[in-house]
Amino acid sequence: VITGSVQPERRADLRAEVSSVVLQVLKENGESVK
């Protein structure tokens, strides 16, 4: 028997590389991006 979860092979956690204030977030959860 095998148990676990379904996960994407391609996934990215995008993090801040500079210290700054967030001006704008252009995409919401569930939106498709290119």
Full PDB file with SEQRES, HELIX, SHEET, SSBOND, CRYST1, ORIGX, SCALE, CONECT and MASTER records, all heavy atoms in Angstrom:
SEQRES   1 A   34  VAL ILE THR GLY SER VAL GLN PRO GLU ARG ARG ALA ASP          
SEQRES   2 A   34  LEU ARG ALA GLU VAL SER SER VAL VAL LEU GLN VAL LEU          
SEQRES   3 A   34  LYS GLU ASN GLY GLU SER VAL LYS                              
CRYST1    1.000    1.000    1.000  90.00  90.00  90.00 P 1           1          
ORIGX1      1.000000  0.000000  0.000000        0.00000                         
ORIGX2      0.000000  1.000000  0.000000        0.00000                         
ORIGX3      0.000000  0.000000  1.000000        0.00000                         
SCALE1      1.000000  0.000000  0.000000        0.00000                         
SCALE2      0.000000  1.000000  0.000000        0.00000                         
SCALE3      0.000000  0.000000  1.000000        0.00000                         
ATOM      1  N   VAL A   1       0.848  -1.194   0.000  1.00  0.00           N  
ATOM      2  CA  VAL A   1       0.000   0.000   0.000  1.00  0.00           C  
ATOM      3  C   VAL A   1       0.885   1.246   0.000  1.00  0.00           C  
ATOM      4  O   VAL A   1       1.920   1.285   0.675  1.00  0.00           O  
ATOM      5  CB  VAL A   1      -0.936  -0.004   1.220  1.00  0.00           C  
ATOM      6  CG1 VAL A   1      -1.723   1.294   1.310  1.00  0.00           C  
ATOM      7  CG2 VAL A   1      -1.885  -1.193   1.153  1.00  0.00           C  
ATOM      8  N   ILE A   2       0.484   2.243  -0.768  1.00  0.00           N  
ATOM      9  CA  ILE A   2       1.229   3.497  -0.828  1.00  0.00           C  
ATOM     10  C   ILE A   2       0.280   4.640  -0.500  1.00  0.00           C  
ATOM     11  O   ILE A   2      -0.837   4.707  -1.008  1.00  0.00           O  
ATOM     12  CB  ILE A   2       1.876   3.701  -2.224  1.00  0.00           C  
ATOM     13  CG1 ILE A   2       2.622   5.035  -2.281  1.00  0.00           C  
ATOM     14  CG2 ILE A   2       0.849   3.589  -3.341  1.00  0.00           C  
ATOM     15  CD1 ILE A   2       3.444   5.222  -3.538  1.00  0.00           C  
ATOM     16  N   THR A   3       0.692   5.518   0.396  1.00  0.00           N  
ATOM     17  CA  THR A   3      -0.100   6.682   0.794  1.00  0.00           C  
ATOM     18  C   THR A   3       0.761   7.928   0.694  1.00  0.00           C  
ATOM     19  O   THR A   3       1.979   7.877   0.882  1.00  0.00           O  
ATOM     20  CB  THR A   3      -0.620   6.539   2.232  1.00  0.00           C  
ATOM     21  OG1 THR A   3       0.499   6.394   3.126  1.00  0.00           O  
ATOM     22  CG2 THR A   3      -1.518   5.315   2.371  1.00  0.00           C  
ATOM     23  N   GLY A   4       0.130   9.039   0.407  1.00  0.00           N  
ATOM     24  CA  GLY A   4       0.879  10.285   0.276  1.00  0.00           C  
ATOM     25  C   GLY A   4      -0.013  11.388  -0.256  1.00  0.00           C  
ATOM     26  O   GLY A   4      -1.210  11.448   0.058  1.00  0.00           O  
ATOM     27  N   SER A   5       0.545  12.245  -1.070  1.00  0.00           N  
ATOM     28  CA  SER A   5      -0.197  13.380  -1.614  1.00  0.00           C  
ATOM     29  C   SER A   5       0.246  13.656  -3.036  1.00  0.00           C  
ATOM     30  O   SER A   5       1.322  13.248  -3.464  1.00  0.00           O  
ATOM     31  CB  SER A   5       0.014  14.630  -0.749  1.00  0.00           C  
ATOM     32  OG  SER A   5       1.387  14.995  -0.736  1.00  0.00           O  
ATOM     33  N   VAL A   6      -0.616  14.363  -3.755  1.00  0.00           N  
ATOM     34  CA  VAL A   6      -0.333  14.761  -5.134  1.00  0.00           C  
ATOM     35  C   VAL A   6       0.353  16.128  -5.107  1.00  0.00           C  
ATOM     36  O   VAL A   6      -0.196  17.092  -4.550  1.00  0.00           O  
ATOM     37  CB  VAL A   6      -1.629  14.811  -5.962  1.00  0.00           C  
ATOM     38  CG1 VAL A   6      -1.344  15.321  -7.367  1.00  0.00           C  
ATOM     39  CG2 VAL A   6      -2.275  13.433  -6.014  1.00  0.00           C  
ATOM     40  N   GLN A   7       1.540  16.204  -5.676  1.00  0.00           N  
ATOM     41  CA  GLN A   7       2.324  17.435  -5.667  1.00  0.00           C  
ATOM     42  C   GLN A   7       2.860  17.716  -7.072  1.00  0.00           C  
ATOM     43  O   GLN A   7       3.115  16.785  -7.836  1.00  0.00           O  
ATOM     44  CB  GLN A   7       3.503  17.331  -4.691  1.00  0.00           C  
ATOM     45  CG  GLN A   7       3.113  17.125  -3.242  1.00  0.00           C  
ATOM     46  CD  GLN A   7       2.452  18.332  -2.621  1.00  0.00           C  
ATOM     47  OE1 GLN A   7       2.493  19.429  -3.188  1.00  0.00           O  
ATOM     48  NE2 GLN A   7       1.843  18.147  -1.463  1.00  0.00           N  
ATOM     49  N   PRO A   8       3.037  19.005  -7.425  1.00  0.00           N  
ATOM     50  CA  PRO A   8       3.610  19.326  -8.740  1.00  0.00           C  
ATOM     51  C   PRO A   8       5.118  19.119  -8.748  1.00  0.00           C  
ATOM     52  O   PRO A   8       5.806  19.412  -7.754  1.00  0.00           O  
ATOM     53  CB  PRO A   8       3.247  20.800  -8.929  1.00  0.00           C  
ATOM     54  CG  PRO A   8       3.166  21.333  -7.529  1.00  0.00           C  
ATOM     55  CD  PRO A   8       2.644  20.206  -6.682  1.00  0.00           C  
ATOM     56  N   GLU A   9       5.622  18.617  -9.852  1.00  0.00           N  
ATOM     57  CA  GLU A   9       7.070  18.448  -9.985  1.00  0.00           C  
ATOM     58  C   GLU A   9       7.754  19.797 -10.179  1.00  0.00           C  
ATOM     59  O   GLU A   9       8.848  20.025  -9.674  1.00  0.00           O  
ATOM     60  CB  GLU A   9       7.372  17.520 -11.154  1.00  0.00           C  
ATOM     61  CG  GLU A   9       8.836  17.214 -11.336  1.00  0.00           C  
ATOM     62  CD  GLU A   9       9.099  16.214 -12.440  1.00  0.00           C  
ATOM     63  OE1 GLU A   9       8.124  15.735 -13.058  1.00  0.00           O  
ATOM     64  OE2 GLU A   9      10.280  15.897 -12.682  1.00  0.00           O  
ATOM     65  N   ARG A  10       7.096  20.701 -10.905  1.00  0.00           N  
ATOM     66  CA  ARG A  10       7.639  22.043 -11.127  1.00  0.00           C  
ATOM     67  C   ARG A  10       6.900  23.015 -10.214  1.00  0.00           C  
ATOM     68  O   ARG A  10       5.712  23.283 -10.393  1.00  0.00           O  
ATOM     69  CB  ARG A  10       7.480  22.463 -12.586  1.00  0.00           C  
ATOM     70  CG  ARG A  10       8.169  21.553 -13.581  1.00  0.00           C  
ATOM     71  CD  ARG A  10       8.010  22.080 -14.989  1.00  0.00           C  
ATOM     72  NE  ARG A  10       8.711  23.346 -15.174  1.00  0.00           N  
ATOM     73  CZ  ARG A  10       8.528  24.144 -16.217  1.00  0.00           C  
ATOM     74  NH1 ARG A  10       7.645  23.808 -17.154  1.00  0.00           N  
ATOM     75  NH2 ARG A  10       9.211  25.265 -16.344  1.00  0.00           N  
ATOM     76  N   ARG A  11       7.611  23.530  -9.225  1.00  0.00           N  
ATOM     77  CA  ARG A  11       7.048  24.496  -8.296  1.00  0.00           C  
ATOM     78  C   ARG A  11       8.151  25.442  -7.852  1.00  0.00           C  
ATOM     79  O   ARG A  11       9.306  25.038  -7.733  1.00  0.00           O  
ATOM     80  CB  ARG A  11       6.424  23.797  -7.090  1.00  0.00           C  
ATOM     81  CG  ARG A  11       7.355  22.802  -6.416  1.00  0.00           C  
ATOM     82  CD  ARG A  11       6.614  21.949  -5.420  1.00  0.00           C  
ATOM     83  NE  ARG A  11       7.455  20.862  -4.929  1.00  0.00           N  
ATOM     84  CZ  ARG A  11       7.009  19.843  -4.226  1.00  0.00           C  
ATOM     85  NH1 ARG A  11       5.728  19.775  -3.914  1.00  0.00           N  
ATOM     86  NH2 ARG A  11       7.830  18.891  -3.819  1.00  0.00           N  
ATOM     87  N   ALA A  12       7.794  26.680  -7.614  1.00  0.00           N  
ATOM     88  CA  ALA A  12       8.795  27.690  -7.252  1.00  0.00           C  
ATOM     89  C   ALA A  12       8.250  28.574  -6.147  1.00  0.00           C  
ATOM     90  O   ALA A  12       7.120  29.077  -6.241  1.00  0.00           O  
ATOM     91  CB  ALA A  12       9.173  28.532  -8.473  1.00  0.00           C  
ATOM     92  N   ASP A  13       9.043  28.731  -5.088  1.00  0.00           N  
ATOM     93  CA  ASP A  13       8.728  29.675  -4.020  1.00  0.00           C  
ATOM     94  C   ASP A  13       9.542  30.933  -4.280  1.00  0.00           C  
ATOM     95  O   ASP A  13      10.762  30.965  -4.031  1.00  0.00           O  
ATOM     96  CB  ASP A  13       9.080  29.086  -2.651  1.00  0.00           C  
ATOM     97  CG  ASP A  13       8.254  27.846  -2.338  1.00  0.00           C  
ATOM     98  OD1 ASP A  13       7.196  27.681  -2.974  1.00  0.00           O  
ATOM     99  OD2 ASP A  13       8.662  27.059  -1.476  1.00  0.00           O  
ATOM    100  N   LEU A  14       8.899  31.959  -4.790  1.00  0.00           N  
ATOM    101  CA  LEU A  14       9.595  33.195  -5.148  1.00  0.00           C  
ATOM    102  C   LEU A  14       9.750  34.063  -3.904  1.00  0.00           C  
ATOM    103  O   LEU A  14       8.762  34.406  -3.237  1.00  0.00           O  
ATOM    104  CB  LEU A  14       8.818  33.936  -6.237  1.00  0.00           C  
ATOM    105  CG  LEU A  14       8.549  33.123  -7.516  1.00  0.00           C  
ATOM    106  CD1 LEU A  14       7.809  33.970  -8.536  1.00  0.00           C  
ATOM    107  CD2 LEU A  14       9.858  32.602  -8.104  1.00  0.00           C  
ATOM    108  N   ARG A  15      11.002  34.442  -3.595  1.00  0.00           N  
ATOM    109  CA  ARG A  15      11.311  35.219  -2.393  1.00  0.00           C  
ATOM    110  C   ARG A  15      11.964  36.542  -2.774  1.00  0.00           C  
ATOM    111  O   ARG A  15      12.522  36.697  -3.866  1.00  0.00           O  
ATOM    112  CB  ARG A  15      12.233  34.414  -1.471  1.00  0.00           C  
ATOM    113  CG  ARG A  15      11.627  33.086  -1.025  1.00  0.00           C  
ATOM    114  CD  ARG A  15      12.594  32.273  -0.197  1.00  0.00           C  
ATOM    115  NE  ARG A  15      12.020  30.993   0.193  1.00  0.00           N  
ATOM    116  CZ  ARG A  15      11.297  30.801   1.278  1.00  0.00           C  
ATOM    117  NH1 ARG A  15      11.074  31.826   2.100  1.00  0.00           N  
ATOM    118  NH2 ARG A  15      10.792  29.616   1.567  1.00  0.00           N  
ATOM    119  N   ALA A  16      11.890  37.477  -1.837  1.00  0.00           N  
ATOM    120  CA  ALA A  16      12.483  38.800  -2.060  1.00  0.00           C  
ATOM    121  C   ALA A  16      14.004  38.704  -2.024  1.00  0.00           C  
ATOM    122  O   ALA A  16      14.569  38.081  -1.126  1.00  0.00           O  
ATOM    123  CB  ALA A  16      11.983  39.776  -1.009  1.00  0.00           C  
ATOM    124  N   GLU A  17      14.673  39.316  -3.005  1.00  0.00           N  
ATOM    125  CA  GLU A  17      16.137  39.336  -3.060  1.00  0.00           C  
ATOM    126  C   GLU A  17      16.702  40.679  -2.635  1.00  0.00           C  
ATOM    127  O   GLU A  17      17.922  40.840  -2.553  1.00  0.00           O  
ATOM    128  CB  GLU A  17      16.607  39.003  -4.477  1.00  0.00           C  
ATOM    129  CG  GLU A  17      16.203  37.605  -4.925  1.00  0.00           C  
ATOM    130  CD  GLU A  17      16.729  37.276  -6.308  1.00  0.00           C  
ATOM    131  OE1 GLU A  17      17.931  36.995  -6.420  1.00  0.00           O  
ATOM    132  OE2 GLU A  17      15.928  37.320  -7.264  1.00  0.00           O  
ATOM    133  N   VAL A  18      15.797  41.654  -2.414  1.00  0.00           N  
ATOM    134  CA  VAL A  18      16.206  42.970  -1.908  1.00  0.00           C  
ATOM    135  C   VAL A  18      15.235  43.374  -0.806  1.00  0.00           C  
ATOM    136  O   VAL A  18      14.096  42.920  -0.764  1.00  0.00           O  
ATOM    137  CB  VAL A  18      16.212  44.036  -3.024  1.00  0.00           C  
ATOM    138  CG1 VAL A  18      17.252  43.726  -4.082  1.00  0.00           C  
ATOM    139  CG2 VAL A  18      14.833  44.167  -3.655  1.00  0.00           C  
ATOM    140  N   SER A  19      15.691  44.204   0.105  1.00  0.00           N  
ATOM    141  CA  SER A  19      14.831  44.721   1.168  1.00  0.00           C  
ATOM    142  C   SER A  19      14.127  45.971   0.648  1.00  0.00           C  
ATOM    143  O   SER A  19      14.786  46.975   0.349  1.00  0.00           O  
ATOM    144  CB  SER A  19      15.650  45.047   2.419  1.00  0.00           C  
ATOM    145  OG  SER A  19      16.229  43.880   2.953  1.00  0.00           O  
ATOM    146  N   SER A  20      12.806  45.875   0.562  1.00  0.00           N  
ATOM    147  CA  SER A  20      12.055  46.991   0.008  1.00  0.00           C  
ATOM    148  C   SER A  20      10.586  46.847   0.382  1.00  0.00           C  
ATOM    149  O   SER A  20      10.179  45.848   0.978  1.00  0.00           O  
ATOM    150  CB  SER A  20      12.232  47.057  -1.511  1.00  0.00           C  
ATOM    151  OG  SER A  20      11.612  48.214  -2.017  1.00  0.00           O  
ATOM    152  N   VAL A  21       9.805  47.830   0.012  1.00  0.00           N  
ATOM    153  CA  VAL A  21       8.359  47.843   0.274  1.00  0.00           C  
ATOM    154  C   VAL A  21       7.625  47.352  -0.968  1.00  0.00           C  
ATOM    155  O   VAL A  21       7.992  47.703  -2.092  1.00  0.00           O  
ATOM    156  CB  VAL A  21       7.890  49.263   0.648  1.00  0.00           C  
ATOM    157  CG1 VAL A  21       6.369  49.299   0.847  1.00  0.00           C  
ATOM    158  CG2 VAL A  21       8.593  49.741   1.909  1.00  0.00           C  
ATOM    159  N   VAL A  22       6.616  46.521  -0.756  1.00  0.00           N  
ATOM    160  CA  VAL A  22       5.826  45.993  -1.862  1.00  0.00           C  
ATOM    161  C   VAL A  22       4.917  47.099  -2.392  1.00  0.00           C  
ATOM    162  O   VAL A  22       4.109  47.664  -1.658  1.00  0.00           O  
ATOM    163  CB  VAL A  22       4.974  44.790  -1.407  1.00  0.00           C  
ATOM    164  CG1 VAL A  22       4.119  44.273  -2.567  1.00  0.00           C  
ATOM    165  CG2 VAL A  22       5.866  43.673  -0.870  1.00  0.00           C  
ATOM    166  N   LEU A  23       5.074  47.408  -3.663  1.00  0.00           N  
ATOM    167  CA  LEU A  23       4.239  48.436  -4.283  1.00  0.00           C  
ATOM    168  C   LEU A  23       2.976  47.848  -4.919  1.00  0.00           C  
ATOM    169  O   LEU A  23       1.899  48.440  -4.824  1.00  0.00           O  
ATOM    170  CB  LEU A  23       5.033  49.184  -5.359  1.00  0.00           C  
ATOM    171  CG  LEU A  23       6.164  50.083  -4.890  1.00  0.00           C  
ATOM    172  CD1 LEU A  23       6.805  50.776  -6.093  1.00  0.00           C  
ATOM    173  CD2 LEU A  23       5.642  51.119  -3.894  1.00  0.00           C  
ATOM    174  N   GLN A  24       3.102  46.692  -5.527  1.00  0.00           N  
ATOM    175  CA  GLN A  24       1.985  46.155  -6.301  1.00  0.00           C  
ATOM    176  C   GLN A  24       2.100  44.644  -6.417  1.00  0.00           C  
ATOM    177  O   GLN A  24       3.204  44.114  -6.604  1.00  0.00           O  
ATOM    178  CB  GLN A  24       1.965  46.790  -7.703  1.00  0.00           C  
ATOM    179  CG  GLN A  24       0.718  46.536  -8.504  1.00  0.00           C  
ATOM    180  CD  GLN A  24       0.762  47.252  -9.854  1.00  0.00           C  
ATOM    181  OE1 GLN A  24       1.817  47.783 -10.243  1.00  0.00           O  
ATOM    182  NE2 GLN A  24      -0.363  47.285 -10.534  1.00  0.00           N  
ATOM    183  N   VAL A  25       0.963  43.954  -6.255  1.00  0.00           N  
ATOM    184  CA  VAL A  25       0.860  42.517  -6.509  1.00  0.00           C  
ATOM    185  C   VAL A  25      -0.119  42.348  -7.660  1.00  0.00           C  
ATOM    186  O   VAL A  25      -1.294  42.670  -7.541  1.00  0.00           O  
ATOM    187  CB  VAL A  25       0.372  41.738  -5.263  1.00  0.00           C  
ATOM    188  CG1 VAL A  25       0.299  40.254  -5.573  1.00  0.00           C  
ATOM    189  CG2 VAL A  25       1.300  41.981  -4.078  1.00  0.00           C  
ATOM    190  N   LEU A  26       0.374  41.837  -8.786  1.00  0.00           N  
ATOM    191  CA  LEU A  26      -0.428  41.849 -10.008  1.00  0.00           C  
ATOM    192  C   LEU A  26      -1.233  40.575 -10.234  1.00  0.00           C  
ATOM    193  O   LEU A  26      -2.088  40.548 -11.127  1.00  0.00           O  
ATOM    194  CB  LEU A  26       0.477  42.092 -11.229  1.00  0.00           C  
ATOM    195  CG  LEU A  26       1.059  43.502 -11.336  1.00  0.00           C  
ATOM    196  CD1 LEU A  26       2.354  43.627 -10.590  1.00  0.00           C  
ATOM    197  CD2 LEU A  26       1.232  43.910 -12.798  1.00  0.00           C  
ATOM    198  N   LYS A  27      -0.972  39.498  -9.494  1.00  0.00           N  
ATOM    199  CA  LYS A  27      -1.686  38.240  -9.714  1.00  0.00           C  
ATOM    200  C   LYS A  27      -2.269  37.737  -8.399  1.00  0.00           C  
ATOM    201  O   LYS A  27      -1.700  37.933  -7.333  1.00  0.00           O  
ATOM    202  CB  LYS A  27      -0.753  37.179 -10.314  1.00  0.00           C  
ATOM    203  CG  LYS A  27      -0.180  37.535 -11.692  1.00  0.00           C  
ATOM    204  CD  LYS A  27      -1.255  37.568 -12.755  1.00  0.00           C  
ATOM    205  CE  LYS A  27      -0.647  37.865 -14.125  1.00  0.00           C  
ATOM    206  NZ  LYS A  27      -1.668  37.879 -15.195  1.00  0.00           N  
ATOM    207  N   GLU A  28      -3.423  37.077  -8.524  1.00  0.00           N  
ATOM    208  CA  GLU A  28      -4.092  36.499  -7.363  1.00  0.00           C  
ATOM    209  C   GLU A  28      -3.999  34.972  -7.414  1.00  0.00           C  
ATOM    210  O   GLU A  28      -3.619  34.393  -8.439  1.00  0.00           O  
ATOM    211  CB  GLU A  28      -5.565  36.926  -7.324  1.00  0.00           C  
ATOM    212  CG  GLU A  28      -5.773  38.418  -7.130  1.00  0.00           C  
ATOM    213  CD  GLU A  28      -5.377  38.881  -5.737  1.00  0.00           C  
ATOM    214  OE1 GLU A  28      -5.342  38.041  -4.817  1.00  0.00           O  
ATOM    215  OE2 GLU A  28      -5.089  40.077  -5.570  1.00  0.00           O  
ATOM    216  N   ASN A  29      -4.372  34.335  -6.315  1.00  0.00           N  
ATOM    217  CA  ASN A  29      -4.351  32.879  -6.249  1.00  0.00           C  
ATOM    218  C   ASN A  29      -5.258  32.277  -7.322  1.00  0.00           C  
ATOM    219  O   ASN A  29      -6.391  32.719  -7.509  1.00  0.00           O  
ATOM    220  CB  ASN A  29      -4.832  32.399  -4.875  1.00  0.00           C  
ATOM    221  CG  ASN A  29      -3.834  32.715  -3.781  1.00  0.00           C  
ATOM    222  OD1 ASN A  29      -2.673  32.989  -4.057  1.00  0.00           O  
ATOM    223  ND2 ASN A  29      -4.272  32.665  -2.539  1.00  0.00           N  
ATOM    224  N   GLY A  30      -4.738  31.265  -8.005  1.00  0.00           N  
ATOM    225  CA  GLY A  30      -5.506  30.577  -9.032  1.00  0.00           C  
ATOM    226  C   GLY A  30      -5.381  31.152 -10.426  1.00  0.00           C  
ATOM    227  O   GLY A  30      -5.841  30.545 -11.391  1.00  0.00           O  
ATOM    228  N   GLU A  31      -4.749  32.320 -10.557  1.00  0.00           N  
ATOM    229  CA  GLU A  31      -4.601  32.929 -11.885  1.00  0.00           C  
ATOM    230  C   GLU A  31      -3.463  32.265 -12.647  1.00  0.00           C  
ATOM    231  O   GLU A  31      -2.410  31.950 -12.086  1.00  0.00           O  
ATOM    232  CB  GLU A  31      -4.349  34.429 -11.763  1.00  0.00           C  
ATOM    233  CG  GLU A  31      -5.554  35.227 -11.306  1.00  0.00           C  
ATOM    234  CD  GLU A  31      -5.332  36.717 -11.471  1.00  0.00           C  
ATOM    235  OE1 GLU A  31      -4.742  37.129 -12.491  1.00  0.00           O  
ATOM    236  OE2 GLU A  31      -5.737  37.475 -10.567  1.00  0.00           O  
ATOM    237  N   SER A  32      -3.689  32.099 -13.932  1.00  0.00           N  
ATOM    238  CA  SER A  32      -2.663  31.522 -14.800  1.00  0.00           C  
ATOM    239  C   SER A  32      -1.628  32.586 -15.162  1.00  0.00           C  
ATOM    240  O   SER A  32      -1.967  33.766 -15.340  1.00  0.00           O  
ATOM    241  CB  SER A  32      -3.302  30.950 -16.072  1.00  0.00           C  
ATOM    242  OG  SER A  32      -4.214  29.930 -15.759  1.00  0.00           O  
ATOM    243  N   VAL A  33      -0.394  32.173 -15.280  1.00  0.00           N  
ATOM    244  CA  VAL A  33       0.693  33.082 -15.643  1.00  0.00           C  
ATOM    245  C   VAL A  33       1.548  32.419 -16.715  1.00  0.00           C  
ATOM    246  O   VAL A  33       1.596  31.194 -16.823  1.00  0.00           O  
ATOM    247  CB  VAL A  33       1.563  33.451 -14.428  1.00  0.00           C  
ATOM    248  CG1 VAL A  33       0.757  34.202 -13.392  1.00  0.00           C  
ATOM    249  CG2 VAL A  33       2.190  32.205 -13.807  1.00  0.00           C  
ATOM    250  N   LYS A  34       2.214  33.250 -17.490  1.00  0.00           N  
ATOM    251  CA  LYS A  34       3.157  32.771 -18.485  1.00  0.00           C  
ATOM    252  C   LYS A  34       4.569  33.117 -18.041  1.00  0.00           C  
ATOM    253  O   LYS A  34       4.774  34.014 -17.217  1.00  0.00           O  
ATOM    254  CB  LYS A  34       2.859  33.397 -19.855  1.00  0.00           C  
ATOM    255  CG  LYS A  34       1.528  32.964 -20.451  1.00  0.00           C  
ATOM    256  CD  LYS A  34       1.327  33.574 -21.817  1.00  0.00           C  
ATOM    257  CE  LYS A  34       0.008  33.123 -22.438  1.00  0.00           C  
ATOM    258  NZ  LYS A  34      -0.206  33.714 -23.774  1.00  0.00           N  
TER     259      LYS A  34                                                      
MASTER        0    0    0    0    0    0    0    6  258    1    0    3          
END                                                                             
